[in-house]
Protein backbone atom coordinates (compact mmCIF):
# COMPACT_ATOMS: atom_id res chain seq x y z
CA MET A 1 0.00 0.00 0.00
CA SER A 2 1.46 3.37 -0.98
CA PRO A 3 1.67 6.20 1.56
CA PRO A 4 -0.91 8.97 1.30
CA ARG A 5 0.06 11.91 -0.92
CA ARG A 6 1.15 14.98 0.94
CA SER A 7 -0.88 18.09 0.35
CA SER A 8 1.37 20.98 -0.68
CA ALA A 9 -0.85 23.36 1.30
CA VAL A 10 -0.22 21.44 4.55
CA TRP A 11 3.23 19.98 3.94
CA SER A 12 5.90 22.53 4.83
CA PRO A 13 9.06 20.62 5.77
CA PRO A 14 12.31 22.32 6.75
CA ASP A 15 14.77 23.25 4.01
CA ASP A 16 17.21 20.46 4.87
CA ALA A 17 14.43 17.85 4.62
CA LEU A 18 13.53 19.13 1.16
CA LEU A 19 17.18 19.01 0.14
CA ALA A 20 17.48 15.43 1.40
CA GLY A 21 14.36 14.51 -0.57
CA LEU A 22 15.76 16.20 -3.67
CA GLY A 23 18.98 14.21 -3.33
CA ALA A 24 17.03 10.97 -2.81
CA GLY A 25 14.99 11.55 -5.98
CA ASP A 26 11.68 12.33 -4.24
CA GLU A 27 9.71 14.14 -6.95
CA GLU A 28 7.44 16.04 -4.54
CA ALA A 29 10.41 17.20 -2.47
CA ALA A 30 12.23 18.29 -5.64
CA VAL A 31 9.27 20.35 -6.84
CA ALA A 32 8.82 21.92 -3.39
CA PHE A 33 12.55 22.66 -3.16
CA VAL A 34 12.62 24.43 -6.53
CA ARG A 35 9.45 26.39 -5.79
CA ARG A 36 10.78 27.50 -2.41
CA PHE A 37 14.08 28.85 -3.75
CA GLN A 38 13.52 29.61 -7.44
CA HIS A 39 13.00 33.36 -7.03
CA ARG A 40 16.10 33.85 -4.88
CA VAL A 41 18.28 31.69 -7.13
CA TYR A 42 17.10 33.41 -10.30
CA GLY A 43 17.37 36.85 -8.65
CA LEU A 44 20.98 36.29 -7.66
CA ALA A 45 21.89 34.91 -11.09
CA TYR A 46 20.20 37.85 -12.81
CA GLY A 47 21.89 40.33 -10.47
CA ILE A 48 25.31 38.97 -11.42
CA LEU A 49 24.70 38.36 -15.12
CA GLY A 50 22.21 41.08 -16.03
CA ASP A 51 20.69 38.82 -18.68
CA ALA A 52 17.37 36.99 -18.22
CA GLY A 53 18.18 34.04 -20.48
CA ALA A 54 21.61 33.47 -18.96
CA ALA A 55 20.11 33.82 -15.46
CA GLN A 56 17.54 31.11 -16.24
CA ASP A 57 20.31 28.81 -17.47
CA VAL A 58 22.39 29.45 -14.34
CA ALA A 59 19.37 28.92 -12.07
CA GLN A 60 18.69 25.57 -13.72
CA GLU A 61 22.36 24.61 -13.40
CA ALA A 62 22.33 25.60 -9.71
CA PHE A 63 19.39 23.29 -9.00
CA VAL A 64 21.05 20.44 -10.92
CA ARG A 65 24.22 20.92 -8.87
CA ALA A 66 22.19 20.99 -5.66
CA TRP A 67 20.58 17.69 -6.65
CA ARG A 68 23.94 16.12 -7.50
CA HIS A 69 25.65 17.34 -4.34
CA ALA A 70 22.77 17.19 -1.84
CA ALA A 71 24.64 14.59 0.21
CA ALA A 72 27.58 17.00 0.62
CA TYR A 73 25.45 19.62 2.39
CA ASP A 74 26.60 20.15 5.99
CA ALA A 75 24.09 21.96 8.22
CA ARG A 76 26.89 22.99 10.59
CA ARG A 77 28.29 25.27 7.88
CA GLY A 78 25.10 27.26 7.39
CA PRO A 79 21.50 27.14 6.20
CA VAL A 80 20.44 25.42 2.99
CA VAL A 81 19.62 28.74 1.32
CA THR A 82 23.15 30.03 1.92
CA TRP A 83 24.61 26.82 0.46
CA LEU A 84 22.31 27.03 -2.57
CA LEU A 85 23.06 30.71 -3.18
CA ALA A 86 26.80 29.97 -3.01
CA ILE A 87 26.29 27.30 -5.70
CA THR A 88 24.32 29.84 -7.74
CA ARG A 89 26.97 32.52 -7.36
CA ASN A 90 29.71 30.11 -8.46
CA ALA A 91 27.69 29.01 -11.49
CA ALA A 92 26.99 32.63 -12.43
CA ILE A 93 30.67 33.56 -12.15
CA GLU A 94 31.56 30.58 -14.36
CA ALA A 95 28.97 31.78 -16.88
CA LEU A 96 30.49 35.28 -16.76
CA ARG A 97 33.93 33.92 -17.49
CA VAL A 98 32.65 31.96 -20.48
CA ARG A 99 30.91 35.01 -21.95
CA ARG A 100 32.85 37.53 -23.93
CA PRO A 101 34.00 40.22 -21.51
CA GLN A 102 31.65 43.18 -21.35
CA PRO A 103 32.61 46.39 -19.63
CA ILE A 104 30.97 46.59 -16.20
CA ASP A 105 31.39 49.51 -13.86
CA PRO A 106 32.40 47.93 -10.53
CA ASP A 107 30.99 50.92 -8.66
CA SER A 108 27.49 49.94 -9.84
CA ILE A 109 27.84 46.71 -7.84
CA LEU A 110 27.57 48.70 -4.61
CA ALA A 111 23.95 49.46 -5.50
CA LEU A 112 22.99 45.78 -5.89
CA GLN A 113 20.92 44.18 -3.16
CA MET A 114 21.63 40.53 -2.38
CA PRO A 115 18.58 38.28 -2.11
CA SER A 116 17.33 37.69 1.39
CA ALA A 117 18.11 34.39 3.07
CA GLU A 118 15.27 35.18 5.50
CA PRO A 119 17.26 35.01 8.73
CA ARG A 120 15.69 35.62 12.14
CA PRO A 121 14.92 39.28 12.92
CA ASP A 122 17.85 39.62 15.33
CA ALA A 123 20.25 38.10 12.80
CA LEU A 124 18.75 40.31 10.09
CA ALA A 125 19.48 43.43 12.15
CA VAL A 126 23.12 42.39 12.60
CA LEU A 127 23.44 41.46 8.92
CA SER A 128 21.92 44.77 7.87
CA GLU A 129 24.38 46.65 10.09
CA GLU A 130 27.31 44.64 8.71
CA THR A 131 26.19 45.26 5.12
CA ASP A 132 25.79 48.98 5.74
CA ARG A 133 29.23 49.16 7.38
CA LEU A 134 30.82 47.21 4.53
CA ARG A 135 29.26 49.52 1.93
CA ALA A 136 30.39 52.57 3.87
CA GLU A 137 33.94 51.22 4.16
CA LEU A 138 33.99 50.28 0.46
CA ALA A 139 32.96 53.81 -0.42
CA LEU A 140 35.91 55.17 1.63
CA LEU A 141 38.49 53.13 -0.28
CA PRO A 142 40.43 54.93 -3.00
CA VAL A 143 38.57 54.48 -6.31
CA GLU A 144 41.19 52.19 -7.87
CA GLN A 145 41.22 49.87 -4.83
CA ARG A 146 37.42 49.82 -4.60
CA ARG A 147 37.08 48.88 -8.27
CA ALA A 148 39.72 46.15 -7.97
CA VAL A 149 38.13 44.67 -4.82
CA LEU A 150 34.65 44.66 -6.35
CA LEU A 151 35.85 43.06 -9.58
CA ALA A 152 37.78 40.37 -7.69
CA ALA A 153 35.55 39.67 -4.68
CA TYR A 154 32.09 40.15 -6.14
CA MET A 155 32.54 39.50 -9.84
CA GLY A 156 35.00 36.63 -9.29
CA ARG A 157 37.62 38.07 -11.62
CA THR A 158 41.24 36.97 -11.33
CA ALA A 159 43.98 39.51 -10.71
CA ARG A 160 45.02 39.15 -14.37
CA GLU A 161 41.44 39.87 -15.49
CA VAL A 162 41.27 42.88 -13.16
CA GLY A 163 44.50 44.14 -14.70
CA ASP A 164 43.13 43.71 -18.22
CA ILE A 165 39.81 45.40 -17.38
CA GLU A 166 41.45 48.31 -15.58
CA GLY A 167 44.35 48.59 -18.05
CA ILE A 168 47.04 48.11 -15.39
CA PRO A 169 49.92 45.63 -14.91
CA LEU A 170 49.23 42.34 -13.11
CA GLY A 171 51.38 43.33 -10.10
CA THR A 172 49.47 46.59 -9.70
CA ALA A 173 46.14 44.73 -9.85
CA LYS A 174 47.31 42.31 -7.17
CA THR A 175 48.49 45.17 -4.96
CA ARG A 176 45.21 47.05 -5.31
CA ILE A 177 43.15 43.98 -4.48
CA ARG A 178 45.31 42.99 -1.50
CA THR A 179 45.58 46.53 -0.11
CA GLY A 180 41.84 47.16 -0.51
CA LEU A 181 40.91 43.89 1.18
CA LEU A 182 43.33 44.53 4.05
CA ARG A 183 41.88 48.02 4.59
CA LEU A 184 38.34 46.62 4.58
CA HIS A 185 39.28 43.85 7.01
CA SER A 186 40.97 46.32 9.38
CA ALA A 187 38.09 48.79 9.24
CA MET A 188 35.46 46.09 9.82
CA ALA A 189 37.48 44.61 12.70
CA ALA A 190 37.85 48.07 14.26
CA ASP A 191 34.09 48.65 13.93
CA ARG A 192 33.35 45.31 15.62
CA GLY A 193 35.79 46.13 18.43
CA ALA A 194 34.14 49.50 18.99
CA THR A 195 30.62 48.01 19.38
């Protein structure tokens, strides 16, 4: 005798249970998993790529990778949504690297909003403060360091690619990235120590 079908209106399992079902080939869990995260996954992909078709392809690839690697998920390292968005970001960066380079103003990245992982309200307040502080500190960096950091850290560009985009030697690109990241780290650490 087969088990009774779960009603989607009543059935609301935790994210990790859906992921386990996805990995085990449970069709209902897979559909519920995709429906739960599709907007966030697509939104992140679109935010990075700026192209609807490419974002759809990346979103699909992210869900395929989640299915393939569901067993590798470790709840101790963070929530399912964070894991899935990291997969999405990596897939989007890979897609960017495959595409012909298009000029992107790294300063425009500061205006992008990352999709919400729906943390608890207290965690959301801390995250919001951290994000605001990071944006403020990024804005204080010299322009050339800010651009290099954004290209490398957010867009996933290598130091060589940053050098090519900015029209500077590889060594200069590496120095700008390293110096910018060190300044950000120091400023964020000082802010945390002051609170």
